[in-house]
Amino acid sequence: MTDIFGVPIVVLLGQLLLGLINGSFYALLSLGLAIIFGMLNVINFAHGAFYMLGGFAAWLLLSALGIGYWETLIAAPLMVGALGAVVERLFLKRLYRVDHLYSLLLTFGIALMLEGLFRHVYGAAGKPYPIPPSLTGGINLGFMFLPMYRAWVIVASLAVCIATWLAIERTKLGAYLRAATENPGLVQAFGINVPFMLTATYAFCVGLAGFAGALAAPLYQVSPGMGSSVIIVVFAVVVIGGMGSIGGAIVTALALGIIEGLTKTFYPAASSIAVFVVMVLVILIRPSGLFSREA
């Protein structure tokens, strides 16, 4: 068996796969965060809570209503997105023109309330969600066995991220949205409903978090703390890529997931801080982020 720096190649590739899976979830979550900050000028600390809600929506739809996995992948993001639209209309729309600190405090409070509510109702223990029968088993790559569901997570995450990036950067809808955030009065004069567009943007972004939560449900147990355990890393991803940089968030998330996997292989004790070490270095060298336009 071939070794690299004393580590069997099979072990190394397995950790790289796990890192890529984590990076896929980071990409979905950081993509939504980057859009919300770049387009709406809001620091959305409740993003992890919406991720948790997506996982619980999947679990509740299956356990209470018997709705299967594939239907849940559509229903869970829609449910989370609808809640996000309510939050935006009732609270966030008042904060677009004020300091970022207010949106950070508001969304942090919302995150604490949602997590506390679900912890009170469902307890702190995780809830299992079975892998759908169509995605059980795996693929023998010769050097390792790739579980089918993990491969699906990577493909689905990348497809959603790329489609979202193309929609914002390469379509007329994306151009309208960028214009609405920079000069809403002018865009409104052309007959475009700017408040609705901003609400739909926030709902879509938190829906992405809900989609990530539904994807994560069969891999990780659904629990009230699943969002708080990942949101700090996701914020670090957005800072490294550049606040508001959509493409940067996707590339950085996947790269950091792989770096995290490599660190677990060669120096496991540092795996939990690897992302933050990279963040500190980037802030020192290029404070606006690797992919930001200001950089």
Protein backbone atom coordinates (compact mmCIF):
# COMPACT_ATOMS: atom_id res chain seq x y z
CA MET A 1 0.00 0.00 0.00
CA THR A 2 1.41 3.40 -1.01
CA ASP A 3 2.07 5.90 1.78
CA ILE A 4 2.34 9.69 1.63
CA PHE A 5 4.37 11.09 4.54
CA GLY A 6 3.63 7.90 6.42
CA VAL A 7 -0.15 8.03 5.79
CA PRO A 8 -1.75 5.26 3.68
CA ILE A 9 -3.16 6.63 0.43
CA VAL A 10 -6.58 5.09 1.17
CA VAL A 11 -6.79 6.95 4.49
CA LEU A 12 -5.68 10.19 2.82
CA LEU A 13 -8.24 9.94 0.03
CA GLY A 14 -10.97 9.07 2.52
CA GLN A 15 -10.24 12.21 4.53
CA LEU A 16 -10.16 14.29 1.35
CA LEU A 17 -13.60 12.94 0.50
CA LEU A 18 -14.92 13.85 3.95
CA GLY A 19 -13.37 17.29 3.57
CA LEU A 20 -15.04 17.74 0.19
CA ILE A 21 -18.40 16.75 1.69
CA ASN A 22 -17.97 19.27 4.52
CA GLY A 23 -16.88 21.81 1.93
CA SER A 24 -20.09 21.18 -0.02
CA PHE A 25 -22.19 22.11 3.01
CA TYR A 26 -19.94 25.11 3.70
CA ALA A 27 -20.46 26.18 0.07
CA LEU A 28 -24.26 26.06 0.25
CA LEU A 29 -24.33 27.97 3.52
CA SER A 30 -21.64 30.53 2.69
CA LEU A 31 -23.24 31.16 -0.71
CA GLY A 32 -26.45 32.30 0.98
CA LEU A 33 -24.54 34.38 3.51
CA ALA A 34 -22.49 36.07 0.79
CA ILE A 35 -25.59 36.95 -1.25
CA ILE A 36 -27.44 38.33 1.77
CA PHE A 37 -24.51 40.52 2.77
CA GLY A 38 -23.57 41.56 -0.75
CA MET A 39 -27.10 42.29 -1.94
CA LEU A 40 -29.00 43.22 1.22
CA ASN A 41 -26.24 44.65 3.44
CA VAL A 42 -27.27 42.29 6.26
CA ILE A 43 -25.02 40.08 8.41
CA ASN A 44 -27.30 37.08 8.83
CA PHE A 45 -26.21 35.27 11.99
CA ALA A 46 -29.47 33.29 11.90
CA HIS A 47 -28.25 31.34 8.87
CA GLY A 48 -27.17 28.40 11.02
CA ALA A 49 -30.61 28.32 12.65
CA PHE A 50 -32.27 28.15 9.21
CA TYR A 51 -29.92 25.27 8.36
CA MET A 52 -31.13 23.54 11.53
CA LEU A 53 -34.74 24.23 10.55
CA GLY A 54 -34.15 22.54 7.20
CA GLY A 55 -32.93 19.42 8.96
CA PHE A 56 -35.88 19.41 11.36
CA ALA A 57 -38.32 20.06 8.51
CA ALA A 58 -36.99 16.94 6.76
CA TRP A 59 -37.22 14.87 9.94
CA LEU A 60 -40.73 16.08 10.83
CA LEU A 61 -42.06 15.60 7.29
CA LEU A 62 -40.86 11.99 7.37
CA SER A 63 -41.72 11.06 10.97
CA ALA A 64 -45.05 12.88 11.25
CA LEU A 65 -46.40 12.85 7.69
CA GLY A 66 -44.49 10.04 6.02
CA ILE A 67 -43.22 12.30 3.25
CA GLY A 68 -40.20 10.78 1.54
CA TYR A 69 -36.72 12.18 1.00
CA TRP A 70 -37.10 13.49 -2.57
CA GLU A 71 -40.28 15.40 -1.80
CA THR A 72 -38.64 16.73 1.35
CA LEU A 73 -35.74 18.19 -0.65
CA ILE A 74 -38.30 20.49 -2.27
CA ALA A 75 -40.66 21.03 0.67
CA ALA A 76 -38.04 21.79 3.36
CA PRO A 77 -36.37 24.71 1.51
CA LEU A 78 -39.79 26.14 0.64
CA MET A 79 -40.89 26.00 4.28
CA VAL A 80 -37.66 27.59 5.53
CA GLY A 81 -37.77 30.18 2.76
CA ALA A 82 -41.33 31.14 3.68
CA LEU A 83 -40.26 31.70 7.29
CA GLY A 84 -37.33 33.74 6.03
CA ALA A 85 -39.68 35.94 4.01
CA VAL A 86 -41.70 36.64 7.16
CA VAL A 87 -38.52 37.53 9.09
CA GLU A 88 -37.38 39.87 6.32
CA ARG A 89 -40.74 41.65 6.04
CA LEU A 90 -41.24 42.06 9.78
CA PHE A 91 -37.71 42.88 10.92
CA LEU A 92 -34.85 43.06 8.45
CA LYS A 93 -36.38 45.51 5.98
CA ARG A 94 -36.00 48.21 8.65
CA LEU A 95 -32.24 47.65 8.92
CA TYR A 96 -30.99 47.92 5.33
CA ARG A 97 -29.75 51.48 5.71
CA VAL A 98 -28.27 51.30 9.19
CA ASP A 99 -25.03 49.90 10.58
CA HIS A 100 -24.31 46.17 10.09
CA LEU A 101 -24.19 45.71 13.85
CA TYR A 102 -27.98 46.02 14.16
CA SER A 103 -28.68 43.21 11.71
CA LEU A 104 -26.02 41.08 13.40
CA LEU A 105 -27.63 41.55 16.83
CA LEU A 106 -31.13 40.96 15.50
CA THR A 107 -30.29 37.77 13.62
CA PHE A 108 -28.17 36.52 16.53
CA GLY A 109 -31.21 36.92 18.78
CA ILE A 110 -33.42 35.10 16.27
CA ALA A 111 -30.90 32.25 16.12
CA LEU A 112 -30.85 31.92 19.91
CA MET A 113 -34.65 31.91 20.11
CA LEU A 114 -35.06 29.26 17.41
CA GLU A 115 -32.39 27.01 18.85
CA GLY A 116 -33.76 27.41 22.38
CA LEU A 117 -37.31 26.68 21.21
CA PHE A 118 -36.35 23.47 19.40
CA ARG A 119 -34.12 22.38 22.27
CA HIS A 120 -37.05 22.83 24.67
CA VAL A 121 -39.51 20.94 22.45
CA TYR A 122 -37.31 18.16 21.05
CA GLY A 123 -34.41 17.97 23.50
CA ALA A 124 -30.71 18.19 22.75
CA ALA A 125 -30.33 14.61 21.48
CA GLY A 126 -29.99 14.06 17.75
CA LYS A 127 -32.81 12.63 15.62
CA PRO A 128 -31.81 9.98 13.05
CA TYR A 129 -32.91 10.31 9.43
CA PRO A 130 -32.49 7.23 7.20
CA ILE A 131 -30.64 7.37 3.88
CA PRO A 132 -33.18 6.93 1.05
CA PRO A 133 -33.11 3.41 -0.47
CA SER A 134 -32.23 4.76 -3.92
CA LEU A 135 -29.00 6.24 -2.54
CA THR A 136 -27.80 3.36 -0.38
CA GLY A 137 -24.75 1.34 -1.29
CA GLY A 138 -21.69 2.80 -2.92
CA ILE A 139 -19.22 2.89 -5.78
CA ASN A 140 -16.00 0.89 -5.76
CA LEU A 141 -13.31 3.26 -7.05
CA GLY A 142 -10.60 0.66 -6.74
CA PHE A 143 -8.62 2.52 -4.13
CA MET A 144 -11.64 3.21 -1.90
CA PHE A 145 -15.38 2.66 -1.50
CA LEU A 146 -17.42 5.82 -2.12
CA PRO A 147 -20.85 5.78 -0.45
CA MET A 148 -23.55 6.74 -2.93
CA TYR A 149 -25.19 9.29 -0.65
CA ARG A 150 -21.94 11.17 -0.06
CA ALA A 151 -21.37 11.35 -3.81
CA TRP A 152 -24.92 12.69 -4.22
CA VAL A 153 -24.31 15.40 -1.62
CA ILE A 154 -21.25 16.66 -3.49
CA VAL A 155 -22.97 16.65 -6.89
CA ALA A 156 -26.20 18.27 -5.62
CA SER A 157 -24.34 20.99 -3.70
CA LEU A 158 -22.10 21.89 -6.62
CA ALA A 159 -25.05 21.94 -9.04
CA VAL A 160 -27.07 24.29 -6.83
CA CYS A 161 -24.09 26.57 -6.17
CA ILE A 162 -23.14 26.87 -9.83
CA ALA A 163 -26.74 27.43 -10.93
CA THR A 164 -27.17 30.18 -8.32
CA TRP A 165 -23.92 31.88 -9.34
CA LEU A 166 -24.94 31.81 -13.01
CA ALA A 167 -28.39 33.21 -12.19
CA ILE A 168 -26.95 36.18 -10.31
CA GLU A 169 -23.91 36.93 -12.46
CA ARG A 170 -25.13 36.03 -15.95
CA THR A 171 -28.87 36.75 -16.17
CA LYS A 172 -31.07 39.82 -16.43
CA LEU A 173 -32.69 38.92 -13.09
CA GLY A 174 -29.30 39.07 -11.42
CA ALA A 175 -28.58 42.42 -13.04
CA TYR A 176 -31.89 43.80 -11.74
CA LEU A 177 -31.07 42.53 -8.26
CA ARG A 178 -27.62 44.11 -8.22
CA ALA A 179 -29.06 47.37 -9.49
CA ALA A 180 -31.83 47.28 -6.87
CA THR A 181 -29.30 47.06 -4.06
CA GLU A 182 -27.20 49.94 -5.41
CA ASN A 183 -29.94 52.32 -6.56
CA PRO A 184 -33.40 51.08 -5.50
CA GLY A 185 -35.14 54.35 -6.38
CA LEU A 186 -34.03 54.20 -10.01
CA VAL A 187 -34.97 50.53 -10.38
CA GLN A 188 -38.36 51.21 -8.78
CA ALA A 189 -38.93 53.94 -11.36
CA PHE A 190 -38.71 51.31 -14.10
CA GLY A 191 -41.67 49.47 -12.59
CA ILE A 192 -39.75 46.77 -10.73
CA ASN A 193 -41.05 45.84 -7.28
CA VAL A 194 -37.84 46.29 -5.30
CA PRO A 195 -39.22 45.35 -1.83
CA PHE A 196 -40.58 42.09 -3.24
CA MET A 197 -37.26 41.38 -4.94
CA LEU A 198 -35.33 41.90 -1.70
CA THR A 199 -37.76 39.69 0.23
CA ALA A 200 -37.49 36.97 -2.41
CA THR A 201 -33.69 37.19 -2.29
CA TYR A 202 -33.57 36.69 1.47
CA ALA A 203 -36.14 33.88 1.29
CA PHE A 204 -34.14 32.14 -1.44
CA CYS A 205 -30.88 32.40 0.50
CA VAL A 206 -32.29 30.99 3.73
CA GLY A 207 -34.02 28.37 1.57
CA LEU A 208 -30.53 27.34 0.46
CA ALA A 209 -29.65 26.88 4.12
CA GLY A 210 -32.81 24.78 4.53
CA PHE A 211 -31.81 22.70 1.51
CA ALA A 212 -28.38 22.12 3.07
CA GLY A 213 -30.06 21.05 6.31
CA ALA A 214 -32.26 18.55 4.48
CA LEU A 215 -29.20 17.19 2.64
CA ALA A 216 -27.32 16.87 5.93
CA ALA A 217 -30.12 15.03 7.76
CA PRO A 218 -29.16 11.49 6.60
CA LEU A 219 -25.43 12.16 7.23
CA TYR A 220 -25.57 13.86 10.61
CA GLN A 221 -28.25 13.48 13.23
CA VAL A 222 -30.74 16.33 13.29
CA SER A 223 -30.36 18.36 16.47
CA PRO A 224 -31.05 21.92 17.70
CA GLY A 225 -27.31 22.63 17.90
CA MET A 226 -26.41 21.53 14.37
CA GLY A 227 -26.55 25.10 13.09
CA SER A 228 -24.52 26.75 15.83
CA SER A 229 -21.76 24.18 15.36
CA VAL A 230 -21.20 25.17 11.72
CA ILE A 231 -22.11 28.86 11.45
CA ILE A 232 -18.78 30.18 12.82
CA VAL A 233 -16.85 28.18 10.23
CA VAL A 234 -19.18 29.42 7.48
CA PHE A 235 -18.63 33.03 8.53
CA ALA A 236 -14.88 32.40 8.37
CA VAL A 237 -15.34 31.05 4.84
CA VAL A 238 -17.17 34.21 3.77
CA VAL A 239 -14.52 36.45 5.34
CA ILE A 240 -11.71 34.57 3.58
CA GLY A 241 -13.47 34.60 0.21
CA GLY A 242 -14.51 38.23 0.57
CA MET A 243 -17.72 39.55 2.10
CA GLY A 244 -20.30 39.63 -0.67
CA SER A 245 -18.22 37.62 -3.18
CA ILE A 246 -20.48 34.84 -4.41
CA GLY A 247 -17.94 32.93 -6.48
CA GLY A 248 -15.34 33.46 -3.79
CA ALA A 249 -17.60 31.89 -1.17
CA ILE A 250 -18.06 28.73 -3.26
CA VAL A 251 -14.38 28.27 -4.15
CA THR A 252 -13.18 29.08 -0.62
CA ALA A 253 -15.69 26.71 1.01
CA LEU A 254 -14.59 23.73 -1.09
CA ALA A 255 -10.90 24.56 -0.63
CA LEU A 256 -11.23 24.93 3.14
CA GLY A 257 -13.16 21.68 3.38
CA ILE A 258 -10.24 19.92 1.67
CA ILE A 259 -7.70 21.72 3.90
CA GLU A 260 -9.69 20.62 6.93
CA GLY A 261 -9.61 17.03 5.69
CA LEU A 262 -5.86 17.13 5.08
CA THR A 263 -5.29 18.59 8.54
CA LYS A 264 -7.27 15.75 10.13
CA THR A 265 -4.96 13.32 8.33
CA PHE A 266 -1.56 14.82 9.10
CA TYR A 267 -2.19 16.74 12.34
CA PRO A 268 -5.63 15.92 13.81
CA ALA A 269 -5.16 18.13 16.86
CA ALA A 270 -5.20 21.23 14.63
CA SER A 271 -8.17 20.26 12.46
CA SER A 272 -10.66 22.34 14.44
CA ILE A 273 -8.61 25.53 14.07
CA ALA A 274 -7.22 25.12 10.54
CA VAL A 275 -9.95 27.28 8.97
CA PHE A 276 -9.41 30.06 11.49
CA VAL A 277 -5.63 30.02 11.01
CA VAL A 278 -6.23 30.55 7.29
CA MET A 279 -8.69 33.34 8.09
CA VAL A 280 -6.18 35.18 10.28
CA LEU A 281 -3.50 34.93 7.59
CA VAL A 282 -5.86 36.22 4.91
CA ILE A 283 -7.01 39.14 7.07
CA LEU A 284 -3.37 40.10 7.69
CA ILE A 285 -2.39 39.87 4.02
CA ARG A 286 -5.59 40.89 2.22
CA PRO A 287 -8.21 42.19 4.68
CA SER A 288 -11.02 42.49 2.13
CA GLY A 289 -10.79 38.79 1.22
CA LEU A 290 -9.20 36.75 -1.53
CA PHE A 291 -11.92 37.28 -4.12
CA SER A 292 -13.44 40.62 -3.19
CA ARG A 293 -13.54 43.36 -5.81
CA GLU A 294 -11.82 45.74 -3.40
CA ALA A 295 -8.88 43.33 -3.21
